[in-house]
PDB file of N, CA and C in Angstrom:
ATOM      1  N   VAL A   1     -24.026  34.294  22.906  1.00  0.00           N
ATOM      2  CA  VAL A   1     -24.473  35.606  22.475  1.00  0.00           C
ATOM      3  C   VAL A   1     -24.363  35.735  20.958  1.00  0.00           C
ATOM      4  N   LEU A   2     -23.234  35.277  20.402  1.00  0.00           N
ATOM      5  CA  LEU A   2     -23.057  35.340  18.953  1.00  0.00           C
ATOM      6  C   LEU A   2     -24.087  34.465  18.243  1.00  0.00           C
ATOM      7  N   ALA A   3     -24.365  33.296  18.798  1.00  0.00           N
ATOM      8  CA  ALA A   3     -25.354  32.399  18.194  1.00  0.00           C
ATOM      9  C   ALA A   3     -26.737  33.051  18.177  1.00  0.00           C
ATOM     10  N   ASP A   4     -27.089  33.732  19.267  1.00  0.00           N
ATOM     11  CA  ASP A   4     -28.385  34.427  19.306  1.00  0.00           C
ATOM     12  C   ASP A   4     -28.455  35.515  18.238  1.00  0.00           C
ATOM     13  N   PHE A   5     -27.337  36.219  18.036  1.00  0.00           N
ATOM     14  CA  PHE A   5     -27.297  37.268  17.020  1.00  0.00           C
ATOM     15  C   PHE A   5     -27.449  36.682  15.616  1.00  0.00           C
ATOM     16  N   VAL A   6     -26.681  35.632  15.323  1.00  0.00           N
ATOM     17  CA  VAL A   6     -26.700  35.036  13.983  1.00  0.00           C
ATOM     18  C   VAL A   6     -28.053  34.394  13.683  1.00  0.00           C
ATOM     19  N   ARG A   7     -28.677  33.804  14.678  1.00  0.00           N
ATOM     20  CA  ARG A   7     -29.978  33.166  14.485  1.00  0.00           C
ATOM     21  C   ARG A   7     -31.137  34.150  14.626  1.00  0.00           C
ATOM     22  N   GLY A   8     -30.839  35.378  14.996  1.00  0.00           N
ATOM     23  CA  GLY A   8     -31.879  36.357  15.288  1.00  0.00           C
ATOM     24  C   GLY A   8     -32.488  37.007  14.063  1.00  0.00           C
ATOM     25  N   ARG A   9     -33.578  37.684  14.316  1.00  0.00           N
ATOM     26  CA  ARG A   9     -34.338  38.353  13.257  1.00  0.00           C
ATOM     27  C   ARG A   9     -33.545  39.505  12.638  1.00  0.00           C
ATOM     28  N   PHE A  10     -32.810  40.268  13.452  1.00  0.00           N
ATOM     29  CA  PHE A  10     -32.057  41.410  12.925  1.00  0.00           C
ATOM     30  C   PHE A  10     -31.032  40.965  11.889  1.00  0.00           C
ATOM     31  N   PHE A  11     -30.265  39.936  12.225  1.00  0.00           N
ATOM     32  CA  PHE A  11     -29.234  39.449  11.302  1.00  0.00           C
ATOM     33  C   PHE A  11     -29.866  38.917  10.018  1.00  0.00           C
ATOM     34  N   SER A  12     -30.948  38.187  10.144  1.00  0.00           N
ATOM     35  CA  SER A  12     -31.645  37.661   8.957  1.00  0.00           C
ATOM     36  C   SER A  12     -32.162  38.793   8.085  1.00  0.00           C
ATOM     37  N   THR A  13     -32.749  39.799   8.709  1.00  0.00           N
ATOM     38  CA  THR A  13     -33.264  40.947   7.968  1.00  0.00           C
ATOM     39  C   THR A  13     -32.133  41.707   7.291  1.00  0.00           C
ATOM     40  N   LEU A  14     -31.021  41.864   7.993  1.00  0.00           N
ATOM     41  CA  LEU A  14     -29.856  42.538   7.432  1.00  0.00           C
ATOM     42  C   LEU A  14     -29.332  41.787   6.211  1.00  0.00           C
ATOM     43  N   CYS A  15     -29.278  40.474   6.283  1.00  0.00           N
ATOM     44  CA  CYS A  15     -28.808  39.665   5.153  1.00  0.00           C
ATOM     45  C   CYS A  15     -29.755  39.777   3.954  1.00  0.00           C
ATOM     46  N   VAL A  16     -31.043  39.726   4.206  1.00  0.00           N
ATOM     47  CA  VAL A  16     -32.019  39.861   3.110  1.00  0.00           C
ATOM     48  C   VAL A  16     -31.919  41.248   2.488  1.00  0.00           C
ATOM     49  N   ALA A  17     -31.786  42.269   3.313  1.00  0.00           N
ATOM     50  CA  ALA A  17     -31.657  43.637   2.803  1.00  0.00           C
ATOM     51  C   ALA A  17     -30.405  43.774   1.946  1.00  0.00           C
ATOM     52  N   CYS A  18     -29.310  43.167   2.375  1.00  0.00           N
ATOM     53  CA  CYS A  18     -28.074  43.223   1.603  1.00  0.00           C
ATOM     54  C   CYS A  18     -28.229  42.506   0.263  1.00  0.00           C
ATOM     55  N   ILE A  19     -28.907  41.377   0.259  1.00  0.00           N
ATOM     56  CA  ILE A  19     -29.145  40.639  -0.985  1.00  0.00           C
ATOM     57  C   ILE A  19     -29.984  41.479  -1.947  1.00  0.00           C
ATOM     58  N   LEU A  20     -31.029  42.117  -1.426  1.00  0.00           N
ATOM     59  CA  LEU A  20     -31.875  42.962  -2.279  1.00  0.00           C
ATOM     60  C   LEU A  20     -31.105  44.164  -2.818  1.00  0.00           C
ATOM     61  N   LEU A  21     -30.339  44.831  -1.949  1.00  0.00           N
ATOM     62  CA  LEU A  21     -29.535  45.966  -2.401  1.00  0.00           C
ATOM     63  C   LEU A  21     -28.514  45.532  -3.449  1.00  0.00           C
ATOM     64  N   ASN A  22     -27.907  44.391  -3.238  1.00  0.00           N
ATOM     65  CA  ASN A  22     -26.937  43.887  -4.199  1.00  0.00           C
ATOM     66  C   ASN A  22     -27.600  43.576  -5.539  1.00  0.00           C
ATOM     67  N   SER A  23     -28.817  43.053  -5.499  1.00  0.00           N
ATOM     68  CA  SER A  23     -29.550  42.774  -6.743  1.00  0.00           C
ATOM     69  C   SER A  23     -29.803  44.050  -7.525  1.00  0.00           C
ATOM     70  N   PHE A  24     -30.242  45.089  -6.831  1.00  0.00           N
ATOM     71  CA  PHE A  24     -30.462  46.377  -7.504  1.00  0.00           C
ATOM     72  C   PHE A  24     -29.150  46.958  -8.023  1.00  0.00           C
ATOM     73  N   PHE A  25     -28.099  46.822  -7.238  1.00  0.00           N
ATOM     74  CA  PHE A  25     -26.799  47.323  -7.669  1.00  0.00           C
ATOM     75  C   PHE A  25     -26.316  46.588  -8.915  1.00  0.00           C
ATOM     76  N   ILE A  26     -26.482  45.272  -8.948  1.00  0.00           N
ATOM     77  CA  ILE A  26     -26.057  44.501 -10.116  1.00  0.00           C
ATOM     78  C   ILE A  26     -26.822  44.953 -11.363  1.00  0.00           C
ATOM     79  N   ALA A  27     -28.115  45.163 -11.218  1.00  0.00           N
ATOM     80  CA  ALA A  27     -28.914  45.633 -12.356  1.00  0.00           C
ATOM     81  C   ALA A  27     -28.437  47.008 -12.825  1.00  0.00           C
ATOM     82  N   ARG A  28     -28.190  47.897 -11.895  1.00  0.00           N
ATOM     83  CA  ARG A  28     -27.728  49.252 -12.249  1.00  0.00           C
ATOM     84  C   ARG A  28     -26.330  49.204 -12.866  1.00  0.00           C
ATOM     85  N   ALA A  29     -25.444  48.413 -12.296  1.00  0.00           N
ATOM     86  CA  ALA A  29     -24.081  48.305 -12.816  1.00  0.00           C
ATOM     87  C   ALA A  29     -24.068  47.692 -14.209  1.00  0.00           C
ATOM     88  N   THR A  30     -24.895  46.685 -14.411  1.00  0.00           N
ATOM     89  CA  THR A  30     -24.984  46.057 -15.731  1.00  0.00           C
ATOM     90  C   THR A  30     -25.488  47.040 -16.765  1.00  0.00           C
ATOM     91  N   ASP A  31     -26.514  47.800 -16.409  1.00  0.00           N
ATOM     92  CA  ASP A  31     -27.049  48.816 -17.316  1.00  0.00           C
ATOM     93  C   ASP A  31     -25.982  49.858 -17.644  1.00  0.00           C
ATOM     94  N   ALA A  32     -25.244  50.309 -16.646  1.00  0.00           N
ATOM     95  CA  ALA A  32     -24.198  51.305 -16.873  1.00  0.00           C
ATOM     96  C   ALA A  32     -23.098  50.753 -17.775  1.00  0.00           C
ATOM     97  N   GLU A  33     -22.738  49.490 -17.583  1.00  0.00           N
ATOM     98  CA  GLU A  33     -21.688  48.890 -18.410  1.00  0.00           C
ATOM     99  C   GLU A  33     -22.144  48.711 -19.855  1.00  0.00           C
ATOM    100  N   ILE A  34     -23.408  48.360 -20.039  1.00  0.00           N
ATOM    101  CA  ILE A  34     -23.937  48.199 -21.402  1.00  0.00           C
ATOM    102  C   ILE A  34     -23.978  49.541 -22.125  1.00  0.00           C
ATOM    103  N   ARG A  35     -24.312  50.584 -21.396  1.00  0.00           N
ATOM    104  CA  ARG A  35     -24.398  51.917 -22.009  1.00  0.00           C
ATOM    105  C   ARG A  35     -23.027  52.474 -22.391  1.00  0.00           C
ATOM    106  N   SER A  36     -21.989  52.053 -21.736  1.00  0.00           N
ATOM    107  CA  SER A  36     -20.649  52.577 -22.038  1.00  0.00           C
ATOM    108  C   SER A  36     -19.661  51.424 -22.163  1.00  0.00           C
ATOM    109  N   LEU A  37     -19.775  50.688 -23.233  1.00  0.00           N
ATOM    110  CA  LEU A  37     -18.953  49.502 -23.431  1.00  0.00           C
ATOM    111  C   LEU A  37     -17.461  49.817 -23.579  1.00  0.00           C
ATOM    112  N   GLN A  38     -17.144  51.006 -24.084  1.00  0.00           N
ATOM    113  CA  GLN A  38     -15.744  51.328 -24.314  1.00  0.00           C
ATOM    114  C   GLN A  38     -15.023  51.774 -23.043  1.00  0.00           C
ATOM    115  N   SER A  39     -15.724  52.277 -22.068  1.00  0.00           N
ATOM    116  CA  SER A  39     -15.062  52.781 -20.864  1.00  0.00           C
ATOM    117  C   SER A  39     -14.918  51.678 -19.818  1.00  0.00           C
ATOM    118  N   GLN A  40     -13.989  51.891 -18.898  1.00  0.00           N
ATOM    119  CA  GLN A  40     -13.754  50.931 -17.838  1.00  0.00           C
ATOM    120  C   GLN A  40     -14.766  51.119 -16.720  1.00  0.00           C
ATOM    121  N   THR A  41     -14.901  50.088 -15.897  1.00  0.00           N
ATOM    122  CA  THR A  41     -15.783  50.164 -14.739  1.00  0.00           C
ATOM    123  C   THR A  41     -15.227  51.202 -13.775  1.00  0.00           C
ATOM    124  N   SER A  42     -16.095  52.044 -13.248  1.00  0.00           N
ATOM    125  CA  SER A  42     -15.645  53.103 -12.349  1.00  0.00           C
ATOM    126  C   SER A  42     -15.150  52.526 -11.027  1.00  0.00           C
ATOM    127  N   ASP A  43     -14.289  53.283 -10.382  1.00  0.00           N
ATOM    128  CA  ASP A  43     -13.757  52.859  -9.085  1.00  0.00           C
ATOM    129  C   ASP A  43     -14.866  52.726  -8.054  1.00  0.00           C
ATOM    130  N   GLU A  44     -15.865  53.600  -8.116  1.00  0.00           N
ATOM    131  CA  GLU A  44     -16.970  53.532  -7.161  1.00  0.00           C
ATOM    132  C   GLU A  44     -17.707  52.203  -7.266  1.00  0.00           C
ATOM    133  N   MET A  45     -17.935  51.751  -8.480  1.00  0.00           N
ATOM    134  CA  MET A  45     -18.621  50.470  -8.692  1.00  0.00           C
ATOM    135  C   MET A  45     -17.789  49.326  -8.109  1.00  0.00           C
ATOM    136  N   LEU A  46     -16.501  49.375  -8.331  1.00  0.00           N
ATOM    137  CA  LEU A  46     -15.635  48.322  -7.797  1.00  0.00           C
ATOM    138  C   LEU A  46     -15.634  48.332  -6.271  1.00  0.00           C
ATOM    139  N   TYR A  47     -15.598  49.516  -5.661  1.00  0.00           N
ATOM    140  CA  TYR A  47     -15.623  49.611  -4.202  1.00  0.00           C
ATOM    141  C   TYR A  47     -16.931  49.053  -3.638  1.00  0.00           C
ATOM    142  N   ILE A  48     -18.029  49.358  -4.295  1.00  0.00           N
ATOM    143  CA  ILE A  48     -19.331  48.863  -3.828  1.00  0.00           C
ATOM    144  C   ILE A  48     -19.374  47.336  -3.934  1.00  0.00           C
ATOM    145  N   GLU A  49     -18.841  46.789  -5.029  1.00  0.00           N
ATOM    146  CA  GLU A  49     -18.784  45.328  -5.164  1.00  0.00           C
ATOM    147  C   GLU A  49     -17.956  44.698  -4.049  1.00  0.00           C
ATOM    148  N   VAL A  50     -16.867  45.342  -3.687  1.00  0.00           N
ATOM    149  CA  VAL A  50     -16.019  44.827  -2.606  1.00  0.00           C
ATOM    150  C   VAL A  50     -16.765  44.874  -1.274  1.00  0.00           C
ATOM    151  N   VAL A  51     -17.526  45.931  -1.035  1.00  0.00           N
ATOM    152  CA  VAL A  51     -18.302  46.038   0.209  1.00  0.00           C
ATOM    153  C   VAL A  51     -19.297  44.885   0.304  1.00  0.00           C
ATOM    154  N   PHE A  52     -20.005  44.606  -0.773  1.00  0.00           N
ATOM    155  CA  PHE A  52     -20.942  43.478  -0.772  1.00  0.00           C
ATOM    156  C   PHE A  52     -20.209  42.158  -0.538  1.00  0.00           C
ATOM    157  N   MET A  53     -19.089  41.977  -1.202  1.00  0.00           N
ATOM    158  CA  MET A  53     -18.334  40.736  -1.035  1.00  0.00           C
ATOM    159  C   MET A  53     -17.864  40.575   0.411  1.00  0.00           C
ATOM    160  N   VAL A  54     -17.364  41.640   1.008  1.00  0.00           N
ATOM    161  CA  VAL A  54     -16.906  41.583   2.397  1.00  0.00           C
ATOM    162  C   VAL A  54     -18.069  41.231   3.322  1.00  0.00           C
ATOM    163  N   PHE A  55     -19.234  41.825   3.076  1.00  0.00           N
ATOM    164  CA  PHE A  55     -20.401  41.500   3.897  1.00  0.00           C
ATOM    165  C   PHE A  55     -20.732  40.017   3.793  1.00  0.00           C
ATOM    166  N   TYR A  56     -20.737  39.479   2.574  1.00  0.00           N
ATOM    167  CA  TYR A  56     -21.081  38.072   2.386  1.00  0.00           C
ATOM    168  C   TYR A  56     -20.045  37.144   3.022  1.00  0.00           C
ATOM    169  N   VAL A  57     -18.781  37.512   2.968  1.00  0.00           N
ATOM    170  CA  VAL A  57     -17.736  36.699   3.598  1.00  0.00           C
ATOM    171  C   VAL A  57     -17.916  36.706   5.115  1.00  0.00           C
ATOM    172  N   ILE A  58     -18.215  37.878   5.682  1.00  0.00           N
ATOM    173  CA  ILE A  58     -18.450  37.969   7.126  1.00  0.00           C
ATOM    174  C   ILE A  58     -19.684  37.169   7.514  1.00  0.00           C
ATOM    175  N   GLU A  59     -20.743  37.266   6.718  1.00  0.00           N
ATOM    176  CA  GLU A  59     -21.961  36.488   6.992  1.00  0.00           C
ATOM    177  C   GLU A  59     -21.645  34.992   7.005  1.00  0.00           C
ATOM    178  N   LEU A  60     -20.937  34.534   5.984  1.00  0.00           N
ATOM    179  CA  LEU A  60     -20.581  33.117   5.896  1.00  0.00           C
ATOM    180  C   LEU A  60     -19.703  32.701   7.072  1.00  0.00           C
ATOM    181  N   PHE A  61     -18.722  33.520   7.410  1.00  0.00           N
ATOM    182  CA  PHE A  61     -17.835  33.224   8.530  1.00  0.00           C
ATOM    183  C   PHE A  61     -18.607  33.107   9.841  1.00  0.00           C
ATOM    184  N   LEU A  62     -19.509  34.064  10.096  1.00  0.00           N
ATOM    185  CA  LEU A  62     -20.298  34.033  11.329  1.00  0.00           C
ATOM    186  C   LEU A  62     -21.185  32.797  11.399  1.00  0.00           C
ATOM    187  N   LYS A  63     -21.821  32.458  10.273  1.00  0.00           N
ATOM    188  CA  LYS A  63     -22.684  31.277  10.257  1.00  0.00           C
ATOM    189  C   LYS A  63     -21.879  29.993  10.466  1.00  0.00           C
ATOM    190  N   LEU A  64     -20.710  29.904   9.846  1.00  0.00           N
ATOM    191  CA  LEU A  64     -19.857  28.729  10.041  1.00  0.00           C
ATOM    192  C   LEU A  64     -19.333  28.663  11.473  1.00  0.00           C
ATOM    193  N   LEU A  65     -19.034  29.813  12.045  1.00  0.00           N
ATOM    194  CA  LEU A  65     -18.559  29.863  13.420  1.00  0.00           C
ATOM    195  C   LEU A  65     -19.624  29.368  14.394  1.00  0.00           C
ATOM    196  N   VAL A  66     -20.865  29.730  14.128  1.00  0.00           N
ATOM    197  CA  VAL A  66     -21.966  29.339  15.011  1.00  0.00           C
ATOM    198  C   VAL A  66     -22.403  27.900  14.754  1.00  0.00           C
ATOM    199  N   HIS A  67     -22.589  27.537  13.498  1.00  0.00           N
ATOM    200  CA  HIS A  67     -23.171  26.230  13.163  1.00  0.00           C
ATOM    201  C   HIS A  67     -22.140  25.126  12.955  1.00  0.00           C
ATOM    202  N   ARG A  68     -20.913  25.502  12.681  1.00  0.00           N
ATOM    203  CA  ARG A  68     -19.839  24.562  12.364  1.00  0.00           C
ATOM    204  C   ARG A  68     -20.279  23.626  11.228  1.00  0.00           C
ATOM    205  N   LEU A  69     -20.019  22.346  11.320  1.00  0.00           N
ATOM    206  CA  LEU A  69     -20.365  21.432  10.223  1.00  0.00           C
ATOM    207  C   LEU A  69     -21.864  21.239  10.056  1.00  0.00           C
ATOM    208  N   TYR A  70     -22.639  21.545  11.089  1.00  0.00           N
ATOM    209  CA  TYR A  70     -24.097  21.467  10.968  1.00  0.00           C
ATOM    210  C   TYR A  70     -24.609  22.429   9.897  1.00  0.00           C
ATOM    211  N   PHE A  71     -23.806  23.424   9.579  1.00  0.00           N
ATOM    212  CA  PHE A  71     -24.127  24.387   8.517  1.00  0.00           C
ATOM    213  C   PHE A  71     -24.429  23.669   7.205  1.00  0.00           C
ATOM    214  N   PHE A  72     -23.732  22.536   6.978  1.00  0.00           N
ATOM    215  CA  PHE A  72     -23.879  21.811   5.713  1.00  0.00           C
ATOM    216  C   PHE A  72     -24.842  20.634   5.785  1.00  0.00           C
ATOM    217  N   CYS A  73     -25.477  20.391   6.925  1.00  0.00           N
ATOM    218  CA  CYS A  73     -26.388  19.252   7.006  1.00  0.00           C
ATOM    219  C   CYS A  73     -27.631  19.570   7.841  1.00  0.00           C
ATOM    220  N   ASN A  74     -28.176  20.756   7.657  1.00  0.00           N
ATOM    221  CA  ASN A  74     -29.432  21.119   8.319  1.00  0.00           C
ATOM    222  C   ASN A  74     -30.512  21.346   7.265  1.00  0.00           C
ATOM    223  N   SER A  75     -31.638  21.864   7.683  1.00  0.00           N
ATOM    224  CA  SER A  75     -32.753  22.050   6.745  1.00  0.00           C
ATOM    225  C   SER A  75     -32.438  23.085   5.658  1.00  0.00           C
ATOM    226  N   ASP A  76     -31.466  23.967   5.902  1.00  0.00           N
ATOM    227  CA  ASP A  76     -31.070  24.986   4.922  1.00  0.00           C
ATOM    228  C   ASP A  76     -29.784  24.614   4.188  1.00  0.00           C
ATOM    229  N   MET A  77     -29.435  23.328   4.204  1.00  0.00           N
ATOM    230  CA  MET A  77     -28.151  22.925   3.644  1.00  0.00           C
ATOM    231  C   MET A  77     -28.001  23.280   2.163  1.00  0.00           C
ATOM    232  N   GLY A  78     -29.068  23.263   1.418  1.00  0.00           N
ATOM    233  CA  GLY A  78     -28.984  23.627   0.001  1.00  0.00           C
ATOM    234  C   GLY A  78     -28.557  25.074  -0.183  1.00  0.00           C
ATOM    235  N   TRP A  79     -29.230  25.968   0.525  1.00  0.00           N
ATOM    236  CA  TRP A  79     -28.879  27.394   0.450  1.00  0.00           C
ATOM    237  C   TRP A  79     -27.497  27.642   1.042  1.00  0.00           C
ATOM    238  N   ASN A  80     -27.188  26.976   2.140  1.00  0.00           N
ATOM    239  CA  ASN A  80     -25.895  27.178   2.785  1.00  0.00           C
ATOM    240  C   ASN A  80     -24.755  26.723   1.889  1.00  0.00           C
ATOM    241  N   THR A  81     -24.923  25.600   1.199  1.00  0.00           N
ATOM    242  CA  THR A  81     -23.914  25.134   0.259  1.00  0.00           C
ATOM    243  C   THR A  81     -23.770  26.117  -0.891  1.00  0.00           C
ATOM    244  N   PHE A  82     -24.901  26.625  -1.383  1.00  0.00           N
ATOM    245  CA  PHE A  82     -24.885  27.635  -2.444  1.00  0.00           C
ATOM    246  C   PHE A  82     -24.130  28.882  -1.980  1.00  0.00           C
ATOM    247  N   ASP A  83     -24.376  29.329  -0.743  1.00  0.00           N
ATOM    248  CA  ASP A  83     -23.672  30.492  -0.192  1.00  0.00           C
ATOM    249  C   ASP A  83     -22.178  30.241  -0.097  1.00  0.00           C
ATOM    250  N   ALA A  84     -21.802  29.040   0.265  1.00  0.00           N
ATOM    251  CA  ALA A  84     -20.379  28.715   0.448  1.00  0.00           C
ATOM    252  C   ALA A  84     -19.631  28.633  -0.868  1.00  0.00           C
ATOM    253  N   VAL A  85     -20.332  28.341  -1.936  1.00  0.00           N
ATOM    254  CA  VAL A  85     -19.675  28.228  -3.241  1.00  0.00           C
ATOM    255  C   VAL A  85     -19.557  29.613  -3.793  1.00  0.00           C
TER     256      VAL A  85
END
């Protein structure tokens, strides 16, 4: 059941959506930091970064749980290695 979920369209779409949202967040956070170089990063920005990081760790964990070592030697091994680093 877990393998079907991880290999399924919903999980893939969720991961792509998270990557896109994170890209927009990084652009917005970078712009905010450039505009206020003297002030510290807000707590909200840090919390959002942690949420993205937790999502990516869970994604990696689920994929490793399903694929095991095949995760590093399949057709997506380049991207998977990049994700793991």
